[in-house]
Structures are given as C-alpha cells and as structure tokens.
C-alpha cells in the first residue's frame, strides 16, 4: 500500500508546491503592478511640480524683465531731461549773446541799407 500511495503523495506535494508558487507569482505580480502605479503617480506629481516650478520661474523672469524695463525707461527719461536742460541752457546762452549784439546787428543792417557798410 505504501508503494501505491507514494507516487500519489508526491503528486499531492508537487500540486501543493505548484499552488504555493502560483500564489507567490500572483503576489509578485500584484507588487509589481502596485509599484508601477506608484511610480506613475510619482512621475505625475513630479511633472506637476516641474510645471509649477517652470511657471513660477517664468513669472519671476517676467517680473524681473518688467523691473529692468522700468529702470531703463527711468534712466532714459533722466538722460532726455538732462539733454533737454543742456540744450535749453545753450539756447539761453545764445539768446543772451544775441541780445548783447542786437544793437550792433541793427546798426550794421542800417548802414548796409543806407550804403555805408560793407558785408
């Protein structure tokens, strides 16, 4: 009787081992699937984080560009005002000079008109 049941017992043991292997494979597949899902979630969150960082960097860059433009505009306005002041000072100087020579110029024109002066 031992001889007959020995192969059957081995077969049962092998069947048990195969069932355990199947359970281990199923558990490994479940773990792999969960890890893949977690990895996908981590990647999604990382992408969202990267997008936010990029958007924040773009906003900061725009603020910096806007500030640089305001500084440049103020600088150009000051240079324009300084140049205008310089021009106005030169105009005033030329007007004073012309005013000083006004009498001489009138006399010269008058002399030319009456034929006493030469140009």
PDB file of N, CA and C in Angstrom:
ATOM      1  N   UNK A   1       0.800  -1.181   0.000  1.00  0.00           N
ATOM      2  CA  UNK A   1       0.000   0.000   0.000  1.00  0.00           C
ATOM      3  C   UNK A   1       0.854   1.261   0.000  1.00  0.00           C
ATOM      4  N   UNK A   2       1.903   1.197   0.651  1.00  0.00           N
ATOM      5  CA  UNK A   2       2.835   2.301   0.653  1.00  0.00           C
ATOM      6  C   UNK A   2       3.368   2.599  -0.732  1.00  0.00           C
ATOM      7  N   UNK A   3       3.581   1.594  -1.483  1.00  0.00           N
ATOM      8  CA  UNK A   3       4.123   1.745  -2.825  1.00  0.00           C
ATOM      9  C   UNK A   3       3.114   2.431  -3.725  1.00  0.00           C
ATOM     10  N   UNK A   4       1.867   2.133  -3.605  1.00  0.00           N
ATOM     11  CA  UNK A   4       0.832   2.719  -4.456  1.00  0.00           C
ATOM     12  C   UNK A   4       0.615   4.190  -4.103  1.00  0.00           C
ATOM     13  N   UNK A   5       0.580   4.476  -2.855  1.00  0.00           N
ATOM     14  CA  UNK A   5       0.285   5.846  -2.440  1.00  0.00           C
ATOM     15  C   UNK A   5       1.499   6.783  -2.494  1.00  0.00           C
ATOM     16  N   UNK A   6       2.634   6.261  -2.573  1.00  0.00           N
ATOM     17  CA  UNK A   6       3.845   7.088  -2.631  1.00  0.00           C
ATOM     18  C   UNK A   6       3.837   8.018  -3.841  1.00  0.00           C
ATOM     19  N   UNK A   7       3.576   7.556  -5.058  1.00  0.00           N
ATOM     20  CA  UNK A   7       3.532   8.493  -6.171  1.00  0.00           C
ATOM     21  C   UNK A   7       2.378   9.494  -6.023  1.00  0.00           C
ATOM     22  N   UNK A   8       1.281   9.043  -5.475  1.00  0.00           N
ATOM     23  CA  UNK A   8       0.148   9.946  -5.291  1.00  0.00           C
ATOM     24  C   UNK A   8       0.495  11.039  -4.275  1.00  0.00           C
ATOM     25  N   UNK A   9       1.177  10.624  -3.225  1.00  0.00           N
ATOM     26  CA  UNK A   9       1.601  11.585  -2.208  1.00  0.00           C
ATOM     27  C   UNK A   9       2.561  12.610  -2.819  1.00  0.00           C
ATOM     28  N   UNK A  10       3.472  12.138  -3.624  1.00  0.00           N
ATOM     29  CA  UNK A  10       4.404  13.046  -4.305  1.00  0.00           C
ATOM     30  C   UNK A  10       3.649  13.987  -5.234  1.00  0.00           C
ATOM     31  N   UNK A  11       2.706  13.427  -5.885  1.00  0.00           N
ATOM     32  CA  UNK A  11       1.896  14.256  -6.785  1.00  0.00           C
ATOM     33  C   UNK A  11       1.162  15.333  -5.979  1.00  0.00           C
ATOM     34  N   UNK A  12       0.617  14.980  -4.825  1.00  0.00           N
ATOM     35  CA  UNK A  12      -0.063  15.938  -3.959  1.00  0.00           C
ATOM     36  C   UNK A  12       0.918  17.004  -3.455  1.00  0.00           C
ATOM     37  N   UNK A  13       2.108  16.555  -3.087  1.00  0.00           N
ATOM     38  CA  UNK A  13       3.127  17.503  -2.634  1.00  0.00           C
ATOM     39  C   UNK A  13       3.511  18.470  -3.765  1.00  0.00           C
ATOM     40  N   UNK A  14       3.683  17.907  -4.940  1.00  0.00           N
ATOM     41  CA  UNK A  14       4.016  18.750  -6.096  1.00  0.00           C
ATOM     42  C   UNK A  14       2.873  19.723  -6.395  1.00  0.00           C
ATOM     43  N   UNK A  15       1.674  19.253  -6.281  1.00  0.00           N
ATOM     44  CA  UNK A  15       0.497  20.091  -6.505  1.00  0.00           C
ATOM     45  C   UNK A  15       0.480  21.242  -5.485  1.00  0.00           C
ATOM     46  N   UNK A  16       0.784  20.923  -4.246  1.00  0.00           N
ATOM     47  CA  UNK A  16       0.847  21.919  -3.193  1.00  0.00           C
ATOM     48  C   UNK A  16       1.944  22.951  -3.491  1.00  0.00           C
ATOM     49  N   UNK A  17       3.101  22.447  -3.923  1.00  0.00           N
ATOM     50  CA  UNK A  17       4.217  23.333  -4.263  1.00  0.00           C
ATOM     51  C   UNK A  17       3.828  24.244  -5.426  1.00  0.00           C
ATOM     52  N   UNK A  18       3.164  23.679  -6.412  1.00  0.00           N
ATOM     53  CA  UNK A  18       2.731  24.472  -7.558  1.00  0.00           C
ATOM     54  C   UNK A  18       1.722  25.546  -7.140  1.00  0.00           C
ATOM     55  N   UNK A  19       0.830  25.195  -6.242  1.00  0.00           N
ATOM     56  CA  UNK A  19      -0.140  26.175  -5.744  1.00  0.00           C
ATOM     57  C   UNK A  19       0.580  27.318  -5.012  1.00  0.00           C
ATOM     58  N   UNK A  20       1.566  26.949  -4.188  1.00  0.00           N
ATOM     59  CA  UNK A  20       2.339  27.960  -3.463  1.00  0.00           C
ATOM     60  C   UNK A  20       3.097  28.857  -4.444  1.00  0.00           C
ATOM     61  N   UNK A  21       3.693  28.235  -5.467  1.00  0.00           N
ATOM     62  CA  UNK A  21       4.398  29.016  -6.495  1.00  0.00           C
ATOM     63  C   UNK A  21       3.444  29.973  -7.192  1.00  0.00           C
ATOM     64  N   UNK A  22       2.239  29.498  -7.491  1.00  0.00           N
ATOM     65  CA  UNK A  22       1.237  30.338  -8.152  1.00  0.00           C
ATOM     66  C   UNK A  22       0.874  31.518  -7.254  1.00  0.00           C
ATOM     67  N   UNK A  23       0.725  31.266  -5.952  1.00  0.00           N
ATOM     68  CA  UNK A  23       0.424  32.333  -5.004  1.00  0.00           C
ATOM     69  C   UNK A  23       1.561  33.350  -4.969  1.00  0.00           C
ATOM     70  N   UNK A  24       2.794  32.847  -4.949  1.00  0.00           N
ATOM     71  CA  UNK A  24       3.962  33.729  -4.926  1.00  0.00           C
ATOM     72  C   UNK A  24       4.021  34.554  -6.212  1.00  0.00           C
ATOM     73  N   UNK A  25       3.773  33.925  -7.352  1.00  0.00           N
ATOM     74  CA  UNK A  25       3.758  34.650  -8.626  1.00  0.00           C
ATOM     75  C   UNK A  25       2.669  35.712  -8.642  1.00  0.00           C
ATOM     76  N   UNK A  26       1.477  35.340  -8.157  1.00  0.00           N
ATOM     77  CA  UNK A  26       0.375  36.310  -8.108  1.00  0.00           C
ATOM     78  C   UNK A  26       0.733  37.486  -7.198  1.00  0.00           C
ATOM     79  N   UNK A  27       1.336  37.188  -6.044  1.00  0.00           N
ATOM     80  CA  UNK A  27       1.741  38.242  -5.118  1.00  0.00           C
ATOM     81  C   UNK A  27       2.824  39.125  -5.752  1.00  0.00           C
ATOM     82  N   UNK A  28       3.757  38.512  -6.442  1.00  0.00           N
ATOM     83  CA  UNK A  28       4.811  39.277  -7.119  1.00  0.00           C
ATOM     84  C   UNK A  28       4.204  40.172  -8.195  1.00  0.00           C
ATOM     85  N   UNK A  29       3.248  39.662  -8.936  1.00  0.00           N
ATOM     86  CA  UNK A  29       2.588  40.456  -9.975  1.00  0.00           C
ATOM     87  C   UNK A  29       1.820  41.621  -9.358  1.00  0.00           C
ATOM     88  N   UNK A  30       1.143  41.348  -8.236  1.00  0.00           N
ATOM     89  CA  UNK A  30       0.416  42.411  -7.535  1.00  0.00           C
ATOM     90  C   UNK A  30       1.394  43.489  -7.053  1.00  0.00           C
ATOM     91  N   UNK A  31       2.511  43.080  -6.484  1.00  0.00           N
ATOM     92  CA  UNK A  31       3.530  44.034  -6.008  1.00  0.00           C
ATOM     93  C   UNK A  31       4.091  44.829  -7.177  1.00  0.00           C
ATOM     94  N   UNK A  32       4.371  44.156  -8.304  1.00  0.00           N
ATOM     95  CA  UNK A  32       4.894  44.848  -9.490  1.00  0.00           C
ATOM     96  C   UNK A  32       3.896  45.876  -9.997  1.00  0.00           C
ATOM     97  N   UNK A  33       2.608  45.480 -10.027  1.00  0.00           N
ATOM     98  CA  UNK A  33       1.557  46.372 -10.507  1.00  0.00           C
ATOM     99  C   UNK A  33       1.431  47.592  -9.580  1.00  0.00           C
ATOM    100  N   UNK A  34       1.447  47.367  -8.263  1.00  0.00           N
ATOM    101  CA  UNK A  34       1.366  48.466  -7.302  1.00  0.00           C
ATOM    102  C   UNK A  34       2.580  49.398  -7.441  1.00  0.00           C
ATOM    103  N   UNK A  35       3.752  48.799  -7.601  1.00  0.00           N
ATOM    104  CA  UNK A  35       4.966  49.609  -7.757  1.00  0.00           C
ATOM    105  C   UNK A  35       4.885  50.442  -9.031  1.00  0.00           C
ATOM    106  N   UNK A  36       4.368  49.845 -10.089  1.00  0.00           N
ATOM    107  CA  UNK A  36       4.225  50.579 -11.346  1.00  0.00           C
ATOM    108  C   UNK A  36       3.230  51.722 -11.188  1.00  0.00           C
ATOM    109  N   UNK A  37       2.118  51.460 -10.508  1.00  0.00           N
ATOM    110  CA  UNK A  37       1.128  52.506 -10.266  1.00  0.00           C
ATOM    111  C   UNK A  37       1.714  53.624  -9.403  1.00  0.00           C
ATOM    112  N   UNK A  38       2.479  53.250  -8.378  1.00  0.00           N
ATOM    113  CA  UNK A  38       3.119  54.260  -7.525  1.00  0.00           C
ATOM    114  C   UNK A  38       4.135  55.065  -8.323  1.00  0.00           C
ATOM    115  N   UNK A  39       4.894  54.374  -9.160  1.00  0.00           N
ATOM    116  CA  UNK A  39       5.883  55.074  -9.995  1.00  0.00           C
ATOM    117  C   UNK A  39       5.178  56.054 -10.931  1.00  0.00           C
ATOM    118  N   UNK A  40       4.073  55.617 -11.537  1.00  0.00           N
ATOM    119  CA  UNK A  40       3.311  56.514 -12.417  1.00  0.00           C
ATOM    120  C   UNK A  40       2.803  57.734 -11.643  1.00  0.00           C
ATOM    121  N   UNK A  41       2.334  57.525 -10.428  1.00  0.00           N
ATOM    122  CA  UNK A  41       1.838  58.623  -9.600  1.00  0.00           C
ATOM    123  C   UNK A  41       2.980  59.570  -9.236  1.00  0.00           C
ATOM    124  N   UNK A  42       4.126  59.009  -8.877  1.00  0.00           N
ATOM    125  CA  UNK A  42       5.293  59.834  -8.544  1.00  0.00           C
ATOM    126  C   UNK A  42       5.704  60.663  -9.754  1.00  0.00           C
ATOM    127  N   UNK A  43       5.721  60.052 -10.922  1.00  0.00           N
ATOM    128  CA  UNK A  43       6.081  60.767 -12.155  1.00  0.00           C
ATOM    129  C   UNK A  43       5.068  61.873 -12.434  1.00  0.00           C
ATOM    130  N   UNK A  44       3.783  61.567 -12.254  1.00  0.00           N
ATOM    131  CA  UNK A  44       2.747  62.579 -12.476  1.00  0.00           C
ATOM    132  C   UNK A  44       2.931  63.757 -11.529  1.00  0.00           C
ATOM    133  N   UNK A  45       3.168  63.449 -10.254  1.00  0.00           N
ATOM    134  CA  UNK A  45       3.374  64.509  -9.273  1.00  0.00           C
ATOM    135  C   UNK A  45       4.646  65.302  -9.571  1.00  0.00           C
ATOM    136  N   UNK A  46       5.687  64.607 -10.008  1.00  0.00           N
ATOM    137  CA  UNK A  46       6.943  65.297 -10.355  1.00  0.00           C
ATOM    138  C   UNK A  46       6.720  66.224 -11.539  1.00  0.00           C
ATOM    139  N   UNK A  47       5.957  65.770 -12.522  1.00  0.00           N
ATOM    140  CA  UNK A  47       5.660  66.625 -13.680  1.00  0.00           C
ATOM    141  C   UNK A  47       4.869  67.855 -13.254  1.00  0.00           C
ATOM    142  N   UNK A  48       3.881  67.639 -12.382  1.00  0.00           N
ATOM    143  CA  UNK A  48       3.104  68.775 -11.891  1.00  0.00           C
ATOM    144  C   UNK A  48       4.006  69.756 -11.150  1.00  0.00           C
ATOM    145  N   UNK A  49       4.885  69.204 -10.316  1.00  0.00           N
ATOM    146  CA  UNK A  49       5.818  70.052  -9.577  1.00  0.00           C
ATOM    147  C   UNK A  49       6.734  70.812 -10.518  1.00  0.00           C
ATOM    148  N   UNK A  50       7.233  70.115 -11.537  1.00  0.00           N
ATOM    149  CA  UNK A  50       8.130  70.759 -12.510  1.00  0.00           C
ATOM    150  C   UNK A  50       7.382  71.854 -13.268  1.00  0.00           C
ATOM    151  N   UNK A  51       6.145  71.574 -13.659  1.00  0.00           N
ATOM    152  CA  UNK A  51       5.349  72.584 -14.364  1.00  0.00           C
ATOM    153  C   UNK A  51       5.145  73.824 -13.495  1.00  0.00           C
ATOM    154  N   UNK A  52       4.873  73.603 -12.213  1.00  0.00           N
ATOM    155  CA  UNK A  52       4.682  74.732 -11.297  1.00  0.00           C
ATOM    156  C   UNK A  52       5.982  75.514 -11.157  1.00  0.00           C
ATOM    157  N   UNK A  53       7.093  74.806 -11.023  1.00  0.00           N
ATOM    158  CA  UNK A  53       8.393  75.482 -10.908  1.00  0.00           C
ATOM    159  C   UNK A  53       8.662  76.307 -12.160  1.00  0.00           C
ATOM    160  N   UNK A  54       8.373  75.736 -13.324  1.00  0.00           N
ATOM    161  CA  UNK A  54       8.600  76.452 -14.591  1.00  0.00           C
ATOM    162  C   UNK A  54       7.705  77.680 -14.672  1.00  0.00           C
ATOM    163  N   UNK A  55       6.421  77.518 -14.323  1.00  0.00           N
ATOM    164  CA  UNK A  55       5.508  78.665 -14.348  1.00  0.00           C
ATOM    165  C   UNK A  55       5.959  79.756 -13.384  1.00  0.00           C
ATOM    166  N   UNK A  56       6.381  79.338 -12.180  1.00  0.00           N
ATOM    167  CA  UNK A  56       6.861  80.316 -11.201  1.00  0.00           C
ATOM    168  C   UNK A  56       8.113  81.024 -11.725  1.00  0.00           C
ATOM    169  N   UNK A  57       9.009  80.258 -12.353  1.00  0.00           N
ATOM    170  CA  UNK A  57      10.235  80.849 -12.903  1.00  0.00           C
ATOM    171  C   UNK A  57       9.898  81.830 -14.027  1.00  0.00           C
ATOM    172  N   UNK A  58       8.934  81.462 -14.861  1.00  0.00           N
ATOM    173  CA  UNK A  58       8.519  82.366 -15.941  1.00  0.00           C
ATOM    174  C   UNK A  58       7.933  83.657 -15.372  1.00  0.00           C
ATOM    175  N   UNK A  59       7.103  83.529 -14.333  1.00  0.00           N
ATOM    176  CA  UNK A  59       6.515  84.717 -13.705  1.00  0.00           C
ATOM    177  C   UNK A  59       7.612  85.596 -13.101  1.00  0.00           C
ATOM    178  N   UNK A  60       8.564  84.964 -12.422  1.00  0.00           N
ATOM    179  CA  UNK A  60       9.661  85.719 -11.814  1.00  0.00           C
ATOM    180  C   UNK A  60      10.501  86.399 -12.888  1.00  0.00           C
ATOM    181  N   UNK A  61      10.770  85.687 -13.981  1.00  0.00           N
ATOM    182  CA  UNK A  61      11.543  86.278 -15.079  1.00  0.00           C
ATOM    183  C   UNK A  61      10.802  87.472 -15.663  1.00  0.00           C
ATOM    184  N   UNK A  62       9.488  87.351 -15.817  1.00  0.00           N
ATOM    185  CA  UNK A  62       8.697  88.467 -16.348  1.00  0.00           C
ATOM    186  C   UNK A  62       8.751  89.655 -15.399  1.00  0.00           C
ATOM    187  N   UNK A  63       8.650  89.390 -14.094  1.00  0.00           N
ATOM    188  CA  UNK A  63       8.745  90.486 -13.113  1.00  0.00           C
ATOM    189  C   UNK A  63      10.109  91.173 -13.216  1.00  0.00           C
ATOM    190  N   UNK A  64      11.155  90.369 -13.349  1.00  0.00           N
ATOM    191  CA  UNK A  64      12.496  90.952 -13.452  1.00  0.00           C
ATOM    192  C   UNK A  64      12.640  91.772 -14.734  1.00  0.00           C
ATOM    193  N   UNK A  65      12.127  91.236 -15.841  1.00  0.00           N
ATOM    194  CA  UNK A  65      12.190  91.972 -17.101  1.00  0.00           C
ATOM    195  C   UNK A  65      11.404  93.275 -16.984  1.00  0.00           C
ATOM    196  N   UNK A  66      10.217  93.204 -16.387  1.00  0.00           N
ATOM    197  CA  UNK A  66       9.403  94.415 -16.204  1.00  0.00           C
ATOM    198  C   UNK A  66      10.151  95.445 -15.357  1.00  0.00           C
ATOM    199  N   UNK A  67      10.790  94.989 -14.282  1.00  0.00           N
ATOM    200  CA  UNK A  67      11.540  95.899 -13.420  1.00  0.00           C
ATOM    201  C   UNK A  67      12.724  96.500 -14.182  1.00  0.00           C
ATOM    202  N   UNK A  68      13.438  95.675 -14.946  1.00  0.00           N
ATOM    203  CA  UNK A  68      14.555  96.193 -15.740  1.00  0.00           C
ATOM    204  C   UNK A  68      14.072  97.217 -16.763  1.00  0.00           C
ATOM    205  N   UNK A  69      12.922  96.944 -17.369  1.00  0.00           N
ATOM    206  CA  UNK A  69      12.366  97.899 -18.337  1.00  0.00           C
ATOM    207  C   UNK A  69      11.996  99.206 -17.653  1.00  0.00           C
ATOM    208  N   UNK A  70      11.400  99.153 -16.462  1.00  0.00           N
ATOM    209  CA  UNK A  70      11.059 100.376 -15.722  1.00  0.00           C
ATOM    210  C   UNK A  70      12.334 101.162 -15.396  1.00  0.00           C
ATOM    211  N   UNK A  71      13.367 100.452 -14.947  1.00  0.00           N
ATOM    212  CA  UNK A  71      14.638 101.137 -14.643  1.00  0.00           C
ATOM    213  C   UNK A  71      15.214 101.780 -15.907  1.00  0.00           C
ATOM    214  N   UNK A  72      15.183 101.025 -17.002  1.00  0.00           N
ATOM    215  CA  UNK A  72      15.712 101.547 -18.271  1.00  0.00           C
ATOM    216  C   UNK A  72      14.930 102.781 -18.701  1.00  0.00           C
ATOM    217  N   UNK A  73      13.598 102.703 -18.609  1.00  0.00           N
ATOM    218  CA  UNK A  73      12.768 103.845 -19.001  1.00  0.00           C
ATOM    219  C   UNK A  73      13.055 105.063 -18.123  1.00  0.00           C
ATOM    220  N   UNK A  74      13.205 104.839 -16.805  1.00  0.00           N
ATOM    221  CA  UNK A  74      13.532 105.961 -15.907  1.00  0.00           C
ATOM    222  C   UNK A  74      14.898 106.547 -16.267  1.00  0.00           C
ATOM    223  N   UNK A  75      15.847 105.664 -16.553  1.00  0.00           N
ATOM    224  CA  UNK A  75      17.189 106.116 -16.924  1.00  0.00           C
ATOM    225  C   UNK A  75      17.154 106.930 -18.220  1.00  0.00           C
ATOM    226  N   UNK A  76      16.409 106.432 -19.211  1.00  0.00           N
ATOM    227  CA  UNK A  76      16.305 107.150 -20.482  1.00  0.00           C
ATOM    228  C   UNK A  76      15.573 108.479 -20.299  1.00  0.00           C
ATOM    229  N   UNK A  77      14.571 108.506 -19.436  1.00  0.00           N
ATOM    230  CA  UNK A  77      13.846 109.753 -19.170  1.00  0.00           C
ATOM    231  C   UNK A  77      14.781 110.771 -18.515  1.00  0.00           C
ATOM    232  N   UNK A  78      15.610 110.303 -17.580  1.00  0.00           N
ATOM    233  CA  UNK A  78      16.557 111.213 -16.926  1.00  0.00           C
ATOM    234  C   UNK A  78      17.575 111.720 -17.944  1.00  0.00           C
ATOM    235  N   UNK A  79      18.072 110.852 -18.803  1.00  0.00           N
ATOM    236  CA  UNK A  79      19.029 111.288 -19.828  1.00  0.00           C
ATOM    237  C   UNK A  79      18.393 112.309 -20.773  1.00  0.00           C
ATOM    238  N   UNK A  80      17.126 112.064 -21.142  1.00  0.00           N
ATOM    239  CA  UNK A  80      16.409 113.010 -22.011  1.00  0.00           C
ATOM    240  C   UNK A  80      16.259 114.358 -21.323  1.00  0.00           C
ATOM    241  N   UNK A  81      15.870 114.310 -20.040  1.00  0.00           N
ATOM    242  CA  UNK A  81      15.709 115.555 -19.280  1.00  0.00           C
ATOM    243  C   UNK A  81      17.038 116.289 -19.160  1.00  0.00           C
ATOM    244  N   UNK A  82      18.113 115.553 -18.881  1.00  0.00           N
ATOM    245  CA  UNK A  82      19.439 116.177 -18.775  1.00  0.00           C
ATOM    246  C   UNK A  82      19.843 116.801 -20.110  1.00  0.00           C
ATOM    247  N   UNK A  83      19.607 116.079 -21.204  1.00  0.00           N
ATOM    248  CA  UNK A  83      19.948 116.607 -22.533  1.00  0.00           C
ATOM    249  C   UNK A  83      19.112 117.844 -22.830  1.00  0.00           C
ATOM    250  N   UNK A  84      17.835 117.805 -22.483  1.00  0.00           N
ATOM    251  CA  UNK A  84      16.951 118.954 -22.706  1.00  0.00           C
ATOM    252  C   UNK A  84      17.417 120.159 -21.893  1.00  0.00           C
ATOM    253  N   UNK A  85      17.799 119.927 -20.630  1.00  0.00           N
ATOM    254  CA  UNK A  85      18.313 121.019 -19.801  1.00  0.00           C
ATOM    255  C   UNK A  85      19.563 121.613 -20.440  1.00  0.00           C
ATOM    256  N   UNK A  86      20.457 120.747 -20.917  1.00  0.00           N
ATOM    257  CA  UNK A  86      21.674 121.229 -21.570  1.00  0.00           C
ATOM    258  C   UNK A  86      21.352 122.055 -22.807  1.00  0.00           C
ATOM    259  N   UNK A  87      20.413 121.575 -23.605  1.00  0.00           N
ATOM    260  CA  UNK A  87      20.008 122.317 -24.815  1.00  0.00           C
ATOM    261  C   UNK A  87      19.378 123.648 -24.446  1.00  0.00           C
ATOM    262  N   UNK A  88      18.511 123.643 -23.445  1.00  0.00           N
ATOM    263  CA  UNK A  88      17.855 124.880 -23.020  1.00  0.00           C
ATOM    264  C   UNK A  88      18.899 125.871 -22.492  1.00  0.00           C
ATOM    265  N   UNK A  89      19.904 125.387 -21.759  1.00  0.00           N
ATOM    266  CA  UNK A  89      20.959 126.268 -21.251  1.00  0.00           C
ATOM    267  C   UNK A  89      21.738 126.869 -22.428  1.00  0.00           C
ATOM    268  N   UNK A  90      22.026 126.041 -23.434  1.00  0.00           N
ATOM    269  CA  UNK A  90      22.745 126.537 -24.623  1.00  0.00           C
ATOM    270  C   UNK A  90      21.899 127.562 -25.381  1.00  0.00           C
ATOM    271  N   UNK A  91      20.607 127.303 -25.485  1.00  0.00           N
ATOM    272  CA  UNK A  91      19.700 128.257 -26.157  1.00  0.00           C
ATOM    273  C   UNK A  91      19.685 129.574 -25.404  1.00  0.00           C
ATOM    274  N   UNK A  92      19.578 129.517 -24.068  1.00  0.00           N
ATOM    275  CA  UNK A  92      19.593 130.747 -23.260  1.00  0.00           C
ATOM    276  C   UNK A  92      20.903 131.504 -23.452  1.00  0.00           C
ATOM    277  N   UNK A  93      22.009 130.784 -23.480  1.00  0.00           N
ATOM    278  CA  UNK A  93      23.322 131.396 -23.678  1.00  0.00           C
ATOM    279  C   UNK A  93      23.379 132.112 -25.033  1.00  0.00           C
ATOM    280  N   UNK A  94      22.882 131.409 -26.076  1.00  0.00           N
ATOM    281  CA  UNK A  94      22.886 132.022 -27.415  1.00  0.00           C
ATOM    282  C   UNK A  94      21.951 133.228 -27.483  1.00  0.00           C
ATOM    283  N   UNK A  95      20.823 133.157 -26.785  1.00  0.00           N
ATOM    284  CA  UNK A  95      19.895 134.295 -26.747  1.00  0.00           C
ATOM    285  C   UNK A  95      20.548 135.493 -26.070  1.00  0.00           C
ATOM    286  N   UNK A  96      21.229 135.272 -24.958  1.00  0.00           N
ATOM    287  CA  UNK A  96      21.912 136.369 -24.247  1.00  0.00           C
ATOM    288  C   UNK A  96      22.991 136.984 -25.143  1.00  0.00           C
ATOM    289  N   UNK A  97      23.726 136.099 -25.828  1.00  0.00           N
ATOM    290  CA  UNK A  97      24.778 136.562 -26.732  1.00  0.00           C
ATOM    291  C   UNK A  97      24.168 137.395 -27.861  1.00  0.00           C
ATOM    292  N   UNK A  98      23.066 136.889 -28.405  1.00  0.00           N
ATOM    293  CA  UNK A  98      22.397 137.619 -29.489  1.00  0.00           C
ATOM    294  C   UNK A  98      21.852 138.938 -28.978  1.00  0.00           C
ATOM    295  N   UNK A  99      21.315 138.960 -27.785  1.00  0.00           N
ATOM    296  CA  UNK A  99      20.764 140.189 -27.199  1.00  0.00           C
ATOM    297  C   UNK A  99      21.869 141.235 -27.025  1.00  0.00           C
ATOM    298  N   UNK A 100      23.076 140.768 -26.597  1.00  0.00           N
ATOM    299  CA  UNK A 100      24.200 141.689 -26.424  1.00  0.00           C
ATOM    300  C   UNK A 100      24.611 142.307 -27.766  1.00  0.00           C
ATOM    301  N   UNK A 101      24.490 141.541 -28.830  1.00  0.00           N
ATOM    302  CA  UNK A 101      24.921 142.015 -30.150  1.00  0.00           C
ATOM    303  C   UNK A 101      23.774 142.603 -30.973  1.00  0.00           C
ATOM    304  N   UNK A 102      22.602 142.678 -30.379  1.00  0.00           N
ATOM    305  CA  UNK A 102      21.434 143.166 -31.115  1.00  0.00           C
ATOM    306  C   UNK A 102      21.655 144.587 -31.636  1.00  0.00           C
ATOM    307  N   UNK A 103      22.146 145.463 -30.790  1.00  0.00           N
ATOM    308  CA  UNK A 103      22.353 146.860 -31.189  1.00  0.00           C
ATOM    309  C   UNK A 103      23.355 146.936 -32.346  1.00  0.00           C
ATOM    310  N   UNK A 104      24.463 146.177 -32.237  1.00  0.00           N
ATOM    311  CA  UNK A 104      25.468 146.153 -33.299  1.00  0.00           C
ATOM    312  C   UNK A 104      24.875 145.631 -34.605  1.00  0.00           C
ATOM    313  N   UNK A 105      24.063 144.586 -34.520  1.00  0.00           N
ATOM    314  CA  UNK A 105      23.460 143.987 -35.714  1.00  0.00           C
ATOM    315  C   UNK A 105      22.515 144.966 -36.386  1.00  0.00           C
ATOM    316  N   UNK A 106      21.724 145.698 -35.586  1.00  0.00           N
ATOM    317  CA  UNK A 106      20.779 146.676 -36.147  1.00  0.00           C
ATOM    318  C   UNK A 106      21.549 147.799 -36.849  1.00  0.00           C
ATOM    319  N   UNK A 107      22.622 148.269 -36.191  1.00  0.00           N
ATOM    320  CA  UNK A 107      23.425 149.339 -36.796  1.00  0.00           C
ATOM    321  C   UNK A 107      24.056 148.869 -38.105  1.00  0.00           C
ATOM    322  N   UNK A 108      24.543 147.629 -38.137  1.00  0.00           N
ATOM    323  CA  UNK A 108      25.170 147.098 -39.344  1.00  0.00           C
ATOM    324  C   UNK A 108      24.149 146.984 -40.465  1.00  0.00           C
ATOM    325  N   UNK A 109      22.952 146.478 -40.151  1.00  0.00           N
ATOM    326  CA  UNK A 109      21.901 146.363 -41.167  1.00  0.00           C
ATOM    327  C   UNK A 109      21.535 147.753 -41.669  1.00  0.00           C
ATOM    328  N   UNK A 110      21.401 148.699 -40.773  1.00  0.00           N
ATOM    329  CA  UNK A 110      21.050 150.066 -41.162  1.00  0.00           C
ATOM    330  C   UNK A 110      22.127 150.676 -42.076  1.00  0.00           C
ATOM    331  N   UNK A 111      23.387 150.477 -41.725  1.00  0.00           N
ATOM    332  CA  UNK A 111      24.488 151.002 -42.535  1.00  0.00           C
ATOM    333  C   UNK A 111      24.478 150.385 -43.907  1.00  0.00           C
ATOM    334  N   UNK A 112      24.191 149.075 -43.979  1.00  0.00           N
ATOM    335  CA  UNK A 112      24.143 148.395 -45.293  1.00  0.00           C
ATOM    336  C   UNK A 112      23.004 148.978 -46.112  1.00  0.00           C
ATOM    337  N   UNK A 113      21.874 149.220 -45.459  1.00  0.00           N
ATOM    338  CA  UNK A 113      20.720 149.770 -46.172  1.00  0.00           C
ATOM    339  C   UNK A 113      20.991 151.171 -46.708  1.00  0.00           C
ATOM    340  N   UNK A 114      21.715 151.953 -45.970  1.00  0.00           N
ATOM    341  CA  UNK A 114      21.973 153.308 -46.452  1.00  0.00           C
ATOM    342  C   UNK A 114      23.263 153.389 -47.265  1.00  0.00           C
ATOM    343  N   UNK A 115      23.919 152.291 -47.360  1.00  0.00           N
ATOM    344  CA  UNK A 115      25.080 152.207 -48.231  1.00  0.00           C
ATOM    345  C   UNK A 115      26.385 152.562 -47.576  1.00  0.00           C
ATOM    346  N   UNK A 116      26.462 152.614 -46.276  1.00  0.00           N
ATOM    347  CA  UNK A 116      27.696 152.954 -45.602  1.00  0.00           C
ATOM    348  C   UNK A 116      28.504 151.725 -45.193  1.00  0.00           C
ATOM    349  N   UNK A 117      27.906 150.607 -45.091  1.00  0.00           N
ATOM    350  CA  UNK A 117      28.627 149.428 -44.596  1.00  0.00           C
ATOM    351  C   UNK A 117      28.893 148.407 -45.673  1.00  0.00           C
ATOM    352  N   UNK A 118      29.857 147.603 -45.452  1.00  0.00           N
ATOM    353  CA  UNK A 118      30.197 146.513 -46.383  1.00  0.00           C
ATOM    354  C   UNK A 118      30.085 145.165 -45.636  1.00  0.00           C
ATOM    355  N   UNK A 119      29.541 144.222 -46.348  1.00  0.00           N
ATOM    356  CA  UNK A 119      29.401 142.883 -45.749  1.00  0.00           C
ATOM    357  C   UNK A 119      30.538 142.022 -46.205  1.00  0.00           C
TER     358      UNK A 119
END
